[in-house]
N, C-alpha and C. Protein backbone atom coordinates (compact mmCIF):
# COMPACT_ATOMS: atom_id res chain seq x y z
N MET A 1 117.28 103.02 95.59
CA MET A 1 116.10 103.64 94.99
C MET A 1 116.27 105.15 94.99
N GLN A 2 116.07 105.74 93.84
CA GLN A 2 116.09 107.20 93.69
C GLN A 2 114.64 107.69 93.77
N LEU A 3 114.33 108.45 94.82
CA LEU A 3 112.96 108.95 94.98
C LEU A 3 112.65 110.03 93.95
N PRO A 4 111.45 110.02 93.41
CA PRO A 4 111.04 111.09 92.50
C PRO A 4 111.06 112.44 93.22
N THR A 5 111.42 113.48 92.49
CA THR A 5 111.53 114.81 93.11
C THR A 5 110.32 115.69 92.90
N ASN A 6 109.37 115.22 92.07
CA ASN A 6 108.13 115.97 91.90
C ASN A 6 106.99 115.01 91.59
N PHE A 7 105.79 115.55 91.64
CA PHE A 7 104.59 114.73 91.48
C PHE A 7 104.54 114.04 90.11
N GLU A 8 104.89 114.77 89.07
CA GLU A 8 104.83 114.23 87.71
C GLU A 8 105.78 113.04 87.55
N ASP A 9 106.99 113.17 88.08
CA ASP A 9 107.95 112.06 88.00
C ASP A 9 107.46 110.85 88.78
N LEU A 10 106.86 111.10 89.93
CA LEU A 10 106.34 110.02 90.76
C LEU A 10 105.26 109.24 90.01
N ILE A 11 104.34 109.96 89.40
CA ILE A 11 103.24 109.30 88.67
C ILE A 11 103.77 108.58 87.44
N THR A 12 104.69 109.20 86.73
CA THR A 12 105.28 108.57 85.54
C THR A 12 105.95 107.26 85.91
N GLU A 13 106.71 107.27 86.99
CA GLU A 13 107.39 106.06 87.44
C GLU A 13 106.40 105.00 87.90
N ALA A 14 105.39 105.41 88.66
CA ALA A 14 104.38 104.46 89.15
C ALA A 14 103.63 103.82 88.00
N GLU A 15 103.24 104.64 87.02
CA GLU A 15 102.51 104.09 85.87
C GLU A 15 103.43 103.24 85.00
N GLY A 16 104.68 103.65 84.86
CA GLY A 16 105.63 102.90 84.05
C GLY A 16 105.89 101.50 84.61
N LEU A 17 105.90 101.39 85.91
CA LEU A 17 106.12 100.10 86.56
C LEU A 17 104.80 99.39 86.86
N GLU A 18 103.70 99.96 86.40
CA GLU A 18 102.36 99.42 86.61
C GLU A 18 102.04 99.24 88.09
N LEU A 19 102.41 100.26 88.88
CA LEU A 19 102.16 100.21 90.32
C LEU A 19 101.25 101.34 90.79
N TYR A 20 100.66 102.08 89.86
CA TYR A 20 99.81 103.21 90.25
C TYR A 20 98.61 102.75 91.08
N LYS A 21 97.99 101.65 90.68
CA LYS A 21 96.83 101.15 91.43
C LYS A 21 97.24 100.69 92.83
N LYS A 22 98.42 100.14 92.95
CA LYS A 22 98.91 99.72 94.27
C LYS A 22 99.23 100.94 95.13
N LEU A 23 99.67 102.02 94.51
CA LEU A 23 99.91 103.27 95.22
C LEU A 23 98.60 103.76 95.84
N ILE A 24 97.54 103.75 95.07
CA ILE A 24 96.23 104.18 95.57
C ILE A 24 95.74 103.24 96.67
N THR A 25 95.93 101.95 96.49
CA THR A 25 95.51 100.98 97.49
C THR A 25 96.23 101.21 98.81
N GLN A 26 97.54 101.46 98.75
CA GLN A 26 98.31 101.72 99.97
C GLN A 26 97.88 103.04 100.61
N LEU A 27 97.64 104.05 99.79
CA LEU A 27 97.15 105.33 100.30
C LEU A 27 95.82 105.12 101.04
N ASN A 28 94.92 104.37 100.44
CA ASN A 28 93.63 104.10 101.08
C ASN A 28 93.81 103.39 102.43
N LYS A 29 94.75 102.44 102.49
CA LYS A 29 95.01 101.74 103.75
C LYS A 29 95.49 102.71 104.82
N ASP A 30 96.44 103.55 104.45
CA ASP A 30 96.99 104.49 105.43
C ASP A 30 95.94 105.52 105.87
N LEU A 31 95.10 105.95 104.96
CA LEU A 31 94.03 106.88 105.33
C LEU A 31 93.05 106.20 106.29
N LEU A 32 92.75 104.95 106.04
CA LEU A 32 91.85 104.20 106.91
C LEU A 32 92.46 104.04 108.31
N TYR A 33 93.74 103.69 108.37
CA TYR A 33 94.42 103.55 109.66
C TYR A 33 94.43 104.86 110.45
N ALA A 34 94.45 105.98 109.73
CA ALA A 34 94.47 107.29 110.38
C ALA A 34 93.05 107.80 110.69
N ASN A 35 92.04 106.96 110.44
CA ASN A 35 90.64 107.33 110.66
C ASN A 35 90.22 108.55 109.87
N ILE A 36 90.68 108.62 108.63
CA ILE A 36 90.29 109.70 107.73
C ILE A 36 89.30 109.14 106.74
N ASP A 37 88.15 109.77 106.68
CA ASP A 37 87.06 109.29 105.83
C ASP A 37 87.29 109.75 104.39
N LEU A 38 88.20 109.10 103.72
CA LEU A 38 88.54 109.42 102.34
C LEU A 38 89.05 108.15 101.70
N GLU A 39 88.47 107.81 100.57
CA GLU A 39 88.90 106.62 99.84
C GLU A 39 88.90 106.92 98.36
N PHE A 40 89.97 106.55 97.70
CA PHE A 40 90.10 106.78 96.27
C PHE A 40 89.82 105.49 95.51
N ASP A 41 89.15 105.62 94.39
CA ASP A 41 88.96 104.50 93.48
C ASP A 41 90.30 104.26 92.78
N VAL A 42 90.62 103.02 92.47
CA VAL A 42 91.90 102.73 91.82
C VAL A 42 91.99 103.32 90.42
N GLU A 43 90.87 103.73 89.87
CA GLU A 43 90.85 104.35 88.54
C GLU A 43 90.94 105.88 88.61
N THR A 44 91.15 106.44 89.79
CA THR A 44 91.25 107.88 89.96
C THR A 44 92.41 108.42 89.15
N LEU A 45 92.16 109.49 88.42
CA LEU A 45 93.23 110.12 87.64
C LEU A 45 94.25 110.77 88.58
N PRO A 46 95.51 110.77 88.20
CA PRO A 46 96.54 111.36 89.07
C PRO A 46 96.28 112.80 89.46
N THR A 47 95.79 113.62 88.55
CA THR A 47 95.54 115.02 88.89
C THR A 47 94.43 115.13 89.93
N SER A 48 93.40 114.31 89.79
CA SER A 48 92.31 114.30 90.77
C SER A 48 92.81 113.80 92.12
N LEU A 49 93.64 112.78 92.09
CA LEU A 49 94.22 112.25 93.32
C LEU A 49 94.96 113.35 94.07
N LYS A 50 95.81 114.06 93.36
CA LYS A 50 96.61 115.12 93.98
C LYS A 50 95.72 116.22 94.55
N LEU A 51 94.75 116.70 93.76
CA LEU A 51 93.90 117.80 94.21
C LEU A 51 93.03 117.44 95.40
N ILE A 52 92.41 116.28 95.34
CA ILE A 52 91.52 115.86 96.43
C ILE A 52 92.31 115.61 97.70
N LEU A 53 93.46 114.94 97.56
CA LEU A 53 94.28 114.68 98.74
C LEU A 53 94.78 116.00 99.33
N GLN A 54 95.20 116.91 98.47
CA GLN A 54 95.70 118.20 98.96
C GLN A 54 94.61 118.99 99.68
N GLU A 55 93.40 119.00 99.14
CA GLU A 55 92.28 119.67 99.80
C GLU A 55 92.04 119.08 101.19
N ASN A 56 92.10 117.76 101.28
CA ASN A 56 91.87 117.10 102.57
C ASN A 56 93.01 117.36 103.55
N ILE A 57 94.22 117.41 103.06
CA ILE A 57 95.36 117.73 103.93
C ILE A 57 95.21 119.16 104.46
N LEU A 58 94.84 120.09 103.60
CA LEU A 58 94.62 121.48 104.01
C LEU A 58 93.53 121.55 105.08
N HIS A 59 92.46 120.82 104.87
CA HIS A 59 91.36 120.78 105.84
C HIS A 59 91.86 120.24 107.19
N LEU A 60 92.66 119.17 107.14
CA LEU A 60 93.19 118.59 108.38
C LEU A 60 94.12 119.57 109.10
N ILE A 61 94.96 120.26 108.35
CA ILE A 61 95.88 121.23 108.95
C ILE A 61 95.08 122.32 109.66
N ASN A 62 94.02 122.79 109.02
CA ASN A 62 93.25 123.92 109.55
C ASN A 62 92.26 123.53 110.64
N THR A 63 91.75 122.30 110.63
CA THR A 63 90.67 121.98 111.56
C THR A 63 90.92 120.76 112.46
N LYS A 64 91.74 119.83 112.01
CA LYS A 64 91.96 118.60 112.77
C LYS A 64 93.46 118.29 112.80
N PHE A 65 94.20 119.15 113.47
CA PHE A 65 95.65 119.05 113.42
C PHE A 65 96.17 117.74 114.00
N SER A 66 95.54 117.23 115.04
CA SER A 66 96.01 115.97 115.63
C SER A 66 95.80 114.80 114.65
N THR A 67 94.72 114.83 113.89
CA THR A 67 94.50 113.80 112.87
C THR A 67 95.54 113.91 111.77
N TYR A 68 95.88 115.14 111.40
CA TYR A 68 96.93 115.39 110.41
C TYR A 68 98.26 114.81 110.89
N LEU A 69 98.62 115.07 112.14
CA LEU A 69 99.87 114.53 112.69
C LEU A 69 99.83 113.00 112.74
N ASN A 70 98.69 112.45 113.07
CA ASN A 70 98.53 111.00 113.10
C ASN A 70 98.74 110.40 111.71
N LEU A 71 98.20 111.06 110.69
CA LEU A 71 98.39 110.59 109.31
C LEU A 71 99.88 110.60 108.95
N LEU A 72 100.57 111.67 109.28
CA LEU A 72 102.00 111.75 108.99
C LEU A 72 102.76 110.62 109.68
N TYR A 73 102.36 110.31 110.90
CA TYR A 73 102.98 109.23 111.65
C TYR A 73 102.71 107.88 110.99
N ILE A 74 101.47 107.63 110.62
CA ILE A 74 101.09 106.35 110.02
C ILE A 74 101.77 106.16 108.66
N VAL A 75 101.80 107.21 107.86
CA VAL A 75 102.45 107.12 106.55
C VAL A 75 103.98 107.03 106.73
N ASP A 76 104.47 107.57 107.82
CA ASP A 76 105.89 107.59 108.16
C ASP A 76 106.66 108.61 107.33
N VAL A 77 106.09 109.82 107.27
CA VAL A 77 106.77 110.92 106.60
C VAL A 77 107.86 111.43 107.53
N SER A 78 109.02 111.66 106.97
CA SER A 78 110.17 112.12 107.75
C SER A 78 109.89 113.46 108.43
N GLU A 79 110.20 113.52 109.71
CA GLU A 79 110.02 114.77 110.46
C GLU A 79 110.90 115.88 109.87
N ALA A 80 112.07 115.52 109.40
CA ALA A 80 112.98 116.50 108.80
C ALA A 80 112.35 117.15 107.57
N LYS A 81 111.64 116.36 106.77
CA LYS A 81 110.98 116.91 105.58
C LYS A 81 109.88 117.90 105.97
N ILE A 82 109.14 117.55 106.99
CA ILE A 82 108.05 118.42 107.43
C ILE A 82 108.62 119.73 107.98
N LYS A 83 109.74 119.66 108.66
CA LYS A 83 110.35 120.87 109.20
C LYS A 83 110.88 121.79 108.11
N GLU A 84 111.18 121.25 106.92
CA GLU A 84 111.64 122.05 105.79
C GLU A 84 110.54 122.97 105.25
N VAL A 85 109.30 122.58 105.43
CA VAL A 85 108.16 123.27 104.84
C VAL A 85 107.85 124.55 105.61
N ASP A 86 107.56 125.60 104.86
CA ASP A 86 107.17 126.88 105.46
C ASP A 86 105.77 126.75 106.04
N GLY A 87 105.66 126.91 107.34
CA GLY A 87 104.38 126.75 108.01
C GLY A 87 103.49 127.98 107.95
N GLU A 88 103.97 129.07 107.39
CA GLU A 88 103.19 130.32 107.32
C GLU A 88 102.08 130.24 106.28
N ASP A 89 102.33 129.58 105.17
CA ASP A 89 101.37 129.49 104.08
C ASP A 89 100.76 128.08 104.08
N ALA A 90 99.55 127.97 104.61
CA ALA A 90 98.91 126.65 104.76
C ALA A 90 98.68 125.97 103.41
N LEU A 91 98.37 126.74 102.37
CA LEU A 91 98.13 126.15 101.06
C LEU A 91 99.41 125.54 100.49
N ALA A 92 100.50 126.28 100.56
CA ALA A 92 101.79 125.76 100.07
C ALA A 92 102.23 124.57 100.93
N MET A 93 101.97 124.67 102.22
CA MET A 93 102.32 123.58 103.12
C MET A 93 101.55 122.31 102.75
N SER A 94 100.26 122.45 102.47
CA SER A 94 99.45 121.28 102.12
C SER A 94 99.93 120.66 100.81
N GLU A 95 100.36 121.50 99.87
CA GLU A 95 100.86 120.98 98.60
C GLU A 95 102.15 120.17 98.81
N ASN A 96 103.06 120.71 99.60
CA ASN A 96 104.32 120.01 99.88
C ASN A 96 104.08 118.73 100.67
N VAL A 97 103.24 118.80 101.67
CA VAL A 97 102.97 117.63 102.51
C VAL A 97 102.27 116.54 101.69
N THR A 98 101.38 116.94 100.80
CA THR A 98 100.72 115.97 99.92
C THR A 98 101.76 115.20 99.11
N PHE A 99 102.72 115.93 98.56
CA PHE A 99 103.77 115.26 97.80
C PHE A 99 104.61 114.34 98.69
N PHE A 100 104.96 114.80 99.89
CA PHE A 100 105.75 113.97 100.81
C PHE A 100 105.01 112.68 101.17
N ILE A 101 103.70 112.79 101.37
CA ILE A 101 102.89 111.60 101.67
C ILE A 101 102.91 110.64 100.50
N LEU A 102 102.66 111.16 99.31
CA LEU A 102 102.64 110.30 98.12
C LEU A 102 104.03 109.71 97.85
N GLN A 103 105.05 110.50 98.09
CA GLN A 103 106.42 110.03 97.89
C GLN A 103 106.74 108.87 98.84
N ARG A 104 106.34 109.00 100.09
CA ARG A 104 106.61 107.93 101.08
C ARG A 104 105.79 106.69 100.77
N ILE A 105 104.55 106.88 100.35
CA ILE A 105 103.72 105.73 99.99
C ILE A 105 104.29 105.04 98.75
N TRP A 106 104.78 105.84 97.80
CA TRP A 106 105.41 105.27 96.62
C TRP A 106 106.61 104.41 97.04
N GLN A 107 107.38 104.89 97.98
CA GLN A 107 108.54 104.15 98.47
C GLN A 107 108.11 102.79 99.03
N LYS A 108 107.05 102.80 99.82
CA LYS A 108 106.54 101.54 100.39
C LYS A 108 106.12 100.57 99.28
N VAL A 109 105.36 101.09 98.31
CA VAL A 109 104.84 100.26 97.22
C VAL A 109 106.00 99.71 96.38
N TRP A 110 106.97 100.54 96.08
CA TRP A 110 108.10 100.12 95.25
C TRP A 110 108.88 99.01 95.94
N TYR A 111 109.16 99.17 97.24
CA TYR A 111 109.89 98.16 97.98
C TYR A 111 109.11 96.85 98.04
N LYS A 112 107.82 96.91 98.27
CA LYS A 112 107.00 95.70 98.31
C LYS A 112 107.03 94.99 96.96
N ALA A 113 106.94 95.74 95.87
CA ALA A 113 106.94 95.14 94.54
C ALA A 113 108.31 94.54 94.21
N LYS A 114 109.36 95.19 94.63
CA LYS A 114 110.71 94.74 94.29
C LYS A 114 111.13 93.54 95.13
N TYR A 115 110.76 93.50 96.40
CA TYR A 115 111.31 92.49 97.30
C TYR A 115 110.29 91.46 97.80
N SER A 116 109.15 91.37 97.17
CA SER A 116 108.21 90.32 97.59
C SER A 116 107.71 89.53 96.43
């Protein structure tokens, strides 16, 4: 599996394989497991998904860091990827981490669709 390198490619691939709704469903599950009070409707537009998730990630980074770390653990985002991100700019960090979360969730959804 070749992982998408940006948000647009990820969404294009998810929609092309008709797995976008499953991506949102998996995201909702992981958010619930992390005790984050955020749920997306399966009809949420990709741009809204990205913006709302990014705002919430930024909020978690700034106010609930342990919950943020718990989410990364539950989603299973690579520690190496997180270390690549510049921690000085919280906004840029939240944008990168949002993509890493969606990328990892996409990986889970793709594998489930392919092998089950």
